Amino acid sequence: MPGASGRLVRSAPGTRARQRRQGRVSPSRCEELILLHSGAEVEQTVRGAATAAAEILGWWAGLTVVWTVLVSTLDSLELAVGAGSALLAACAARGARRAVSR
């Protein structure tokens, strides 16, 4: 069953089975609570990963545009190097922003 922190708390061995036998908690309700809790954690993880990917993509696109504007001649090798450098800088920018916001 969920604790105050929202995480599943393990009860003493046999407690849940004893509660089921006594009719306090139905087996389907226990399974429903576990599935709902697991689904919420998965949803939060997916949302966090999507937010991180969107932020890195935004930084990458902006830094790549800046690189291409500042380069005098646009060659495919320079574009590849610029895109790679922009990706590294985007990851660093996300890490710096997260460090400051904590």
N, C-alpha and C. Protein backbone atom coordinates (compact mmCIF):
# COMPACT_ATOMS: atom_id res chain seq x y z
N MET A 1 0.84 -1.18 0.00
CA MET A 1 0.00 0.00 0.00
C MET A 1 0.87 1.23 0.00
N PRO A 2 0.40 2.34 -0.58
CA PRO A 2 1.24 3.54 -0.69
C PRO A 2 1.47 4.17 0.67
N GLY A 3 2.68 4.62 0.89
CA GLY A 3 3.03 5.32 2.12
C GLY A 3 2.86 6.82 1.93
N ALA A 4 3.32 7.58 2.90
CA ALA A 4 3.20 9.04 2.86
C ALA A 4 4.02 9.62 1.71
N SER A 5 5.12 8.96 1.35
CA SER A 5 5.97 9.50 0.28
C SER A 5 5.47 9.10 -1.10
N GLY A 6 4.40 8.30 -1.19
CA GLY A 6 3.88 7.89 -2.48
C GLY A 6 4.52 6.62 -2.99
N ARG A 7 5.45 6.06 -2.25
CA ARG A 7 6.09 4.82 -2.68
C ARG A 7 5.40 3.64 -2.00
N LEU A 8 5.53 2.50 -2.64
CA LEU A 8 4.96 1.30 -2.05
C LEU A 8 5.73 0.94 -0.79
N VAL A 9 5.00 0.66 0.26
CA VAL A 9 5.61 0.30 1.53
C VAL A 9 5.34 -1.17 1.75
N ARG A 10 6.38 -1.92 2.01
CA ARG A 10 6.20 -3.35 2.27
C ARG A 10 5.72 -3.53 3.71
N SER A 11 4.66 -4.28 3.86
CA SER A 11 4.18 -4.58 5.20
C SER A 11 4.79 -5.90 5.64
N ALA A 12 4.54 -6.24 6.86
CA ALA A 12 5.09 -7.48 7.41
C ALA A 12 4.60 -8.66 6.59
N PRO A 13 5.41 -9.70 6.49
CA PRO A 13 5.00 -10.86 5.70
C PRO A 13 3.67 -11.42 6.17
N GLY A 14 2.79 -11.64 5.23
CA GLY A 14 1.49 -12.23 5.54
C GLY A 14 0.42 -11.22 5.91
N THR A 15 0.77 -9.95 6.08
CA THR A 15 -0.21 -8.95 6.50
C THR A 15 -1.28 -8.76 5.44
N ARG A 16 -0.87 -8.61 4.20
CA ARG A 16 -1.83 -8.40 3.12
C ARG A 16 -2.73 -9.62 2.96
N ALA A 17 -2.14 -10.80 3.03
CA ALA A 17 -2.94 -12.02 2.92
C ALA A 17 -3.94 -12.11 4.07
N ARG A 18 -3.50 -11.73 5.27
CA ARG A 18 -4.39 -11.76 6.43
C ARG A 18 -5.53 -10.75 6.22
N GLN A 19 -5.22 -9.56 5.69
CA GLN A 19 -6.26 -8.57 5.44
C GLN A 19 -7.24 -9.07 4.39
N ARG A 20 -6.74 -9.78 3.38
CA ARG A 20 -7.63 -10.35 2.36
C ARG A 20 -8.56 -11.37 2.98
N ARG A 21 -8.01 -12.25 3.83
CA ARG A 21 -8.84 -13.27 4.46
C ARG A 21 -9.90 -12.65 5.35
N GLN A 22 -9.55 -11.55 6.01
CA GLN A 22 -10.50 -10.91 6.91
C GLN A 22 -11.50 -10.03 6.15
N GLY A 23 -11.29 -9.89 4.85
CA GLY A 23 -12.23 -9.14 4.02
C GLY A 23 -12.00 -7.64 4.04
N ARG A 24 -10.89 -7.18 4.61
CA ARG A 24 -10.62 -5.74 4.65
C ARG A 24 -10.16 -5.20 3.30
N VAL A 25 -9.39 -5.98 2.58
CA VAL A 25 -8.87 -5.54 1.29
C VAL A 25 -9.10 -6.67 0.30
N SER A 26 -9.79 -6.36 -0.78
CA SER A 26 -10.01 -7.40 -1.78
C SER A 26 -8.76 -7.56 -2.64
N PRO A 27 -8.50 -8.76 -3.15
CA PRO A 27 -7.32 -8.97 -3.99
C PRO A 27 -7.29 -8.06 -5.20
N SER A 28 -8.45 -7.83 -5.82
CA SER A 28 -8.46 -6.99 -7.01
C SER A 28 -8.12 -5.54 -6.65
N ARG A 29 -8.54 -5.07 -5.49
CA ARG A 29 -8.22 -3.70 -5.06
C ARG A 29 -6.72 -3.56 -4.82
N CYS A 30 -6.09 -4.55 -4.22
CA CYS A 30 -4.64 -4.52 -4.00
C CYS A 30 -3.92 -4.44 -5.35
N GLU A 31 -4.32 -5.29 -6.28
CA GLU A 31 -3.70 -5.29 -7.59
C GLU A 31 -3.93 -3.96 -8.29
N GLU A 32 -5.13 -3.39 -8.12
CA GLU A 32 -5.43 -2.11 -8.75
C GLU A 32 -4.54 -1.01 -8.18
N LEU A 33 -4.35 -0.98 -6.87
CA LEU A 33 -3.49 0.03 -6.25
C LEU A 33 -2.05 -0.10 -6.73
N ILE A 34 -1.57 -1.33 -6.83
CA ILE A 34 -0.20 -1.55 -7.28
C ILE A 34 -0.05 -1.10 -8.73
N LEU A 35 -1.02 -1.45 -9.58
CA LEU A 35 -0.95 -1.06 -10.99
C LEU A 35 -1.05 0.45 -11.16
N LEU A 36 -1.93 1.10 -10.41
CA LEU A 36 -2.06 2.55 -10.51
C LEU A 36 -0.77 3.24 -10.08
N HIS A 37 -0.19 2.74 -8.99
CA HIS A 37 1.04 3.35 -8.49
C HIS A 37 2.17 3.15 -9.49
N SER A 38 2.29 1.96 -10.04
CA SER A 38 3.33 1.69 -11.03
C SER A 38 3.11 2.54 -12.27
N GLY A 39 1.88 2.69 -12.70
CA GLY A 39 1.59 3.49 -13.88
C GLY A 39 1.95 4.96 -13.67
N ALA A 40 1.71 5.46 -12.47
CA ALA A 40 2.04 6.86 -12.18
C ALA A 40 3.54 7.07 -12.22
N GLU A 41 4.29 6.12 -11.68
CA GLU A 41 5.75 6.24 -11.70
C GLU A 41 6.27 6.18 -13.14
N VAL A 42 5.72 5.28 -13.93
CA VAL A 42 6.15 5.16 -15.33
C VAL A 42 5.80 6.43 -16.09
N GLU A 43 4.61 6.96 -15.86
CA GLU A 43 4.19 8.18 -16.53
C GLU A 43 5.10 9.35 -16.17
N GLN A 44 5.47 9.45 -14.90
CA GLN A 44 6.36 10.52 -14.46
C GLN A 44 7.74 10.37 -15.09
N THR A 45 8.23 9.15 -15.18
CA THR A 45 9.53 8.91 -15.78
C THR A 45 9.52 9.24 -17.26
N VAL A 46 8.47 8.84 -17.95
CA VAL A 46 8.36 9.14 -19.39
C VAL A 46 8.24 10.64 -19.61
N ARG A 47 7.45 11.31 -18.78
CA ARG A 47 7.30 12.75 -18.91
C ARG A 47 8.63 13.46 -18.67
N GLY A 48 9.40 13.01 -17.68
CA GLY A 48 10.70 13.60 -17.39
C GLY A 48 11.69 13.39 -18.54
N ALA A 49 11.67 12.20 -19.12
CA ALA A 49 12.56 11.92 -20.24
C ALA A 49 12.18 12.74 -21.47
N ALA A 50 10.89 12.90 -21.70
CA ALA A 50 10.44 13.70 -22.85
C ALA A 50 10.80 15.17 -22.65
N THR A 51 10.68 15.66 -21.43
CA THR A 51 11.06 17.05 -21.14
C THR A 51 12.55 17.26 -21.35
N ALA A 52 13.35 16.31 -20.88
CA ALA A 52 14.81 16.41 -21.05
C ALA A 52 15.18 16.37 -22.52
N ALA A 53 14.56 15.49 -23.28
CA ALA A 53 14.86 15.38 -24.71
C ALA A 53 14.47 16.66 -25.45
N ALA A 54 13.32 17.22 -25.09
CA ALA A 54 12.87 18.46 -25.74
C ALA A 54 13.81 19.62 -25.41
N GLU A 55 14.26 19.68 -24.17
CA GLU A 55 15.18 20.76 -23.78
C GLU A 55 16.51 20.64 -24.51
N ILE A 56 17.05 19.43 -24.56
CA ILE A 56 18.33 19.22 -25.26
C ILE A 56 18.16 19.49 -26.75
N LEU A 57 17.05 19.07 -27.33
CA LEU A 57 16.80 19.33 -28.75
C LEU A 57 16.71 20.82 -29.04
N GLY A 58 16.06 21.56 -28.16
CA GLY A 58 15.96 23.01 -28.33
C GLY A 58 17.33 23.69 -28.26
N TRP A 59 18.12 23.31 -27.24
CA TRP A 59 19.47 23.86 -27.14
C TRP A 59 20.30 23.49 -28.37
N TRP A 60 20.21 22.23 -28.79
CA TRP A 60 20.99 21.76 -29.93
C TRP A 60 20.64 22.54 -31.19
N ALA A 61 19.35 22.71 -31.43
CA ALA A 61 18.92 23.44 -32.64
C ALA A 61 19.41 24.88 -32.62
N GLY A 62 19.25 25.54 -31.48
CA GLY A 62 19.69 26.93 -31.38
C GLY A 62 21.19 27.08 -31.53
N LEU A 63 21.95 26.21 -30.89
CA LEU A 63 23.41 26.30 -30.98
C LEU A 63 23.91 25.92 -32.38
N THR A 64 23.24 24.99 -33.03
CA THR A 64 23.63 24.64 -34.40
C THR A 64 23.38 25.81 -35.35
N VAL A 65 22.27 26.51 -35.16
CA VAL A 65 21.99 27.69 -35.99
C VAL A 65 23.05 28.76 -35.75
N VAL A 66 23.41 28.99 -34.50
CA VAL A 66 24.45 29.98 -34.19
C VAL A 66 25.76 29.59 -34.86
N TRP A 67 26.10 28.30 -34.79
CA TRP A 67 27.35 27.82 -35.40
C TRP A 67 27.33 28.08 -36.91
N THR A 68 26.24 27.73 -37.57
CA THR A 68 26.19 27.89 -39.03
C THR A 68 26.20 29.36 -39.44
N VAL A 69 25.64 30.24 -38.63
CA VAL A 69 25.66 31.66 -38.93
C VAL A 69 27.07 32.22 -38.80
N LEU A 70 27.82 31.74 -37.80
CA LEU A 70 29.14 32.28 -37.54
C LEU A 70 30.25 31.68 -38.41
N VAL A 71 29.97 30.55 -39.07
CA VAL A 71 30.98 29.93 -39.93
C VAL A 71 30.98 30.65 -41.27
N SER A 72 32.17 30.92 -41.79
CA SER A 72 32.26 31.68 -43.04
C SER A 72 31.82 30.86 -44.25
N THR A 73 32.32 29.63 -44.37
CA THR A 73 31.92 28.77 -45.49
C THR A 73 31.26 27.51 -44.92
N LEU A 74 30.13 27.16 -45.47
CA LEU A 74 29.39 26.01 -44.95
C LEU A 74 29.77 24.76 -45.73
N ASP A 75 30.55 23.91 -45.10
CA ASP A 75 30.98 22.65 -45.67
C ASP A 75 30.29 21.54 -44.87
N SER A 76 30.12 20.37 -45.46
CA SER A 76 29.45 19.28 -44.76
C SER A 76 30.23 18.84 -43.52
N LEU A 77 31.55 18.85 -43.59
CA LEU A 77 32.37 18.47 -42.43
C LEU A 77 32.21 19.50 -41.32
N GLU A 78 32.22 20.78 -41.66
CA GLU A 78 32.03 21.82 -40.65
C GLU A 78 30.65 21.75 -40.03
N LEU A 79 29.65 21.42 -40.83
CA LEU A 79 28.30 21.28 -40.31
C LEU A 79 28.22 20.10 -39.34
N ALA A 80 28.87 18.99 -39.67
CA ALA A 80 28.88 17.82 -38.78
C ALA A 80 29.61 18.13 -37.47
N VAL A 81 30.74 18.80 -37.55
CA VAL A 81 31.48 19.18 -36.35
C VAL A 81 30.67 20.15 -35.51
N GLY A 82 30.03 21.10 -36.17
CA GLY A 82 29.19 22.07 -35.46
C GLY A 82 28.01 21.40 -34.77
N ALA A 83 27.38 20.45 -35.44
CA ALA A 83 26.25 19.75 -34.84
C ALA A 83 26.69 18.91 -33.64
N GLY A 84 27.83 18.26 -33.77
CA GLY A 84 28.36 17.47 -32.65
C GLY A 84 28.74 18.35 -31.47
N SER A 85 29.39 19.46 -31.76
CA SER A 85 29.76 20.39 -30.69
C SER A 85 28.52 21.00 -30.04
N ALA A 86 27.52 21.29 -30.83
CA ALA A 86 26.28 21.84 -30.29
C ALA A 86 25.58 20.84 -29.40
N LEU A 87 25.65 19.55 -29.75
CA LEU A 87 25.03 18.53 -28.90
C LEU A 87 25.74 18.44 -27.56
N LEU A 88 27.06 18.47 -27.57
CA LEU A 88 27.80 18.46 -26.29
C LEU A 88 27.47 19.70 -25.47
N ALA A 89 27.42 20.85 -26.11
CA ALA A 89 27.10 22.09 -25.40
C ALA A 89 25.66 22.08 -24.88
N ALA A 90 24.74 21.46 -25.63
CA ALA A 90 23.34 21.37 -25.19
C ALA A 90 23.23 20.51 -23.93
N CYS A 91 23.96 19.41 -23.90
CA CYS A 91 23.95 18.55 -22.70
C CYS A 91 24.56 19.29 -21.52
N ALA A 92 25.63 20.04 -21.76
CA ALA A 92 26.25 20.83 -20.69
C ALA A 92 25.30 21.93 -20.20
N ALA A 93 24.58 22.56 -21.10
CA ALA A 93 23.64 23.62 -20.73
C ALA A 93 22.50 23.05 -19.88
N ARG A 94 22.01 21.88 -20.25
CA ARG A 94 20.96 21.25 -19.44
C ARG A 94 21.47 20.90 -18.06
N GLY A 95 22.67 20.34 -18.00
CA GLY A 95 23.25 20.00 -16.70
C GLY A 95 23.48 21.22 -15.84
N ALA A 96 23.95 22.31 -16.44
CA ALA A 96 24.17 23.54 -15.68
C ALA A 96 22.84 24.13 -15.19
N ARG A 97 21.81 24.09 -16.04
CA ARG A 97 20.53 24.61 -15.62
C ARG A 97 19.94 23.80 -14.47
N ARG A 98 20.09 22.48 -14.54
CA ARG A 98 19.57 21.63 -13.46
C ARG A 98 20.34 21.84 -12.17
N ALA A 99 21.65 22.07 -12.29
CA ALA A 99 22.47 22.31 -11.09
C ALA A 99 22.07 23.62 -10.40
N VAL A 100 21.75 24.63 -11.20
CA VAL A 100 21.38 25.92 -10.64
C VAL A 100 19.98 25.87 -10.03
N SER A 101 19.07 25.12 -10.65
CA SER A 101 17.68 25.09 -10.19
C SER A 101 17.47 24.22 -8.96
N ARG A 102 18.44 23.45 -8.55
CA ARG A 102 18.27 22.60 -7.35
C ARG A 102 18.53 23.34 -6.10
